[in-house]
């Protein structure tokens, strides 16, 4: 089997699954309870005076 064909087959099957799982993990991490305070703190970092 050629390298390109093997990589294409992997990307079509397991690569897509890995990207979907990563996307879902990021969404769940962002929307978890208690994440709002951390997001607001991070959003205000540029406005803080040192």
C-alpha atoms as a PDB file:
ATOM      1  CA  UNK A   1       0.000   0.000   0.000  1.00  0.00           C
ATOM      2  CA  UNK A   2       1.312   3.409  -0.881  1.00  0.00           C
ATOM      3  CA  UNK A   3       1.983   5.917   1.839  1.00  0.00           C
ATOM      4  CA  UNK A   4      -0.514   8.419   0.466  1.00  0.00           C
ATOM      5  CA  UNK A   5      -3.280   5.822   0.301  1.00  0.00           C
ATOM      6  CA  UNK A   6      -2.616   4.672   3.859  1.00  0.00           C
ATOM      7  CA  UNK A   7      -2.586   8.236   5.203  1.00  0.00           C
ATOM      8  CA  UNK A   8      -5.751   9.082   3.249  1.00  0.00           C
ATOM      9  CA  UNK A   9      -7.535   6.056   4.655  1.00  0.00           C
ATOM     10  CA  UNK A  10      -6.474   6.982   8.210  1.00  0.00           C
ATOM     11  CA  UNK A  11      -7.580  10.595   7.788  1.00  0.00           C
ATOM     12  CA  UNK A  12     -10.937   9.543   6.354  1.00  0.00           C
ATOM     13  CA  UNK A  13     -11.731   7.219   9.226  1.00  0.00           C
ATOM     14  CA  UNK A  14      -9.880   7.869  12.486  1.00  0.00           C
ATOM     15  CA  UNK A  15      -8.768  11.432  11.768  1.00  0.00           C
ATOM     16  CA  UNK A  16     -12.346  12.634  11.405  1.00  0.00           C
ATOM     17  CA  UNK A  17     -13.350  10.878  14.609  1.00  0.00           C
ATOM     18  CA  UNK A  18     -10.419  12.458  16.471  1.00  0.00           C
ATOM     19  CA  UNK A  19     -11.337  15.948  15.234  1.00  0.00           C
ATOM     20  CA  UNK A  20     -14.987  15.499  16.270  1.00  0.00           C
ATOM     21  CA  UNK A  21     -13.981  14.310  19.744  1.00  0.00           C
ATOM     22  CA  UNK A  22     -11.556  17.224  20.127  1.00  0.00           C
ATOM     23  CA  UNK A  23     -14.243  19.706  19.064  1.00  0.00           C
ATOM     24  CA  UNK A  24     -16.750  18.256  21.529  1.00  0.00           C
ATOM     25  CA  UNK A  25     -14.183  18.347  24.339  1.00  0.00           C
ATOM     26  CA  UNK A  26     -13.448  22.030  23.663  1.00  0.00           C
ATOM     27  CA  UNK A  27     -17.159  22.901  23.583  1.00  0.00           C
ATOM     28  CA  UNK A  28     -17.864  21.006  26.807  1.00  0.00           C
ATOM     29  CA  UNK A  29     -14.837  22.583  28.510  1.00  0.00           C
ATOM     30  CA  UNK A  30     -16.019  26.041  27.498  1.00  0.00           C
ATOM     31  CA  UNK A  31     -19.617  25.516  28.603  1.00  0.00           C
ATOM     32  CA  UNK A  32     -18.885  23.726  31.881  1.00  0.00           C
ATOM     33  CA  UNK A  33     -20.381  25.101  35.099  1.00  0.00           C
ATOM     34  CA  UNK A  34     -18.147  27.705  36.681  1.00  0.00           C
ATOM     35  CA  UNK A  35     -16.359  28.503  33.444  1.00  0.00           C
ATOM     36  CA  UNK A  36     -18.021  31.891  33.097  1.00  0.00           C
ATOM     37  CA  UNK A  37     -15.958  33.526  35.836  1.00  0.00           C
ATOM     38  CA  UNK A  38     -12.690  32.313  34.321  1.00  0.00           C
ATOM     39  CA  UNK A  39     -13.791  33.520  30.879  1.00  0.00           C
ATOM     40  CA  UNK A  40     -14.638  36.971  32.244  1.00  0.00           C
ATOM     41  CA  UNK A  41     -11.311  37.155  34.063  1.00  0.00           C
ATOM     42  CA  UNK A  42      -9.451  36.210  30.876  1.00  0.00           C
ATOM     43  CA  UNK A  43     -11.424  38.768  28.848  1.00  0.00           C
ATOM     44  CA  UNK A  44     -10.413  41.549  31.258  1.00  0.00           C
ATOM     45  CA  UNK A  45      -6.672  40.817  31.154  1.00  0.00           C
ATOM     46  CA  UNK A  46      -5.920  43.474  28.474  1.00  0.00           C
ATOM     47  CA  UNK A  47      -7.778  46.096  30.530  1.00  0.00           C
ATOM     48  CA  UNK A  48      -5.844  45.557  33.755  1.00  0.00           C
ATOM     49  CA  UNK A  49      -3.399  48.218  34.856  1.00  0.00           C
ATOM     50  CA  UNK A  50      -0.089  46.813  36.032  1.00  0.00           C
END
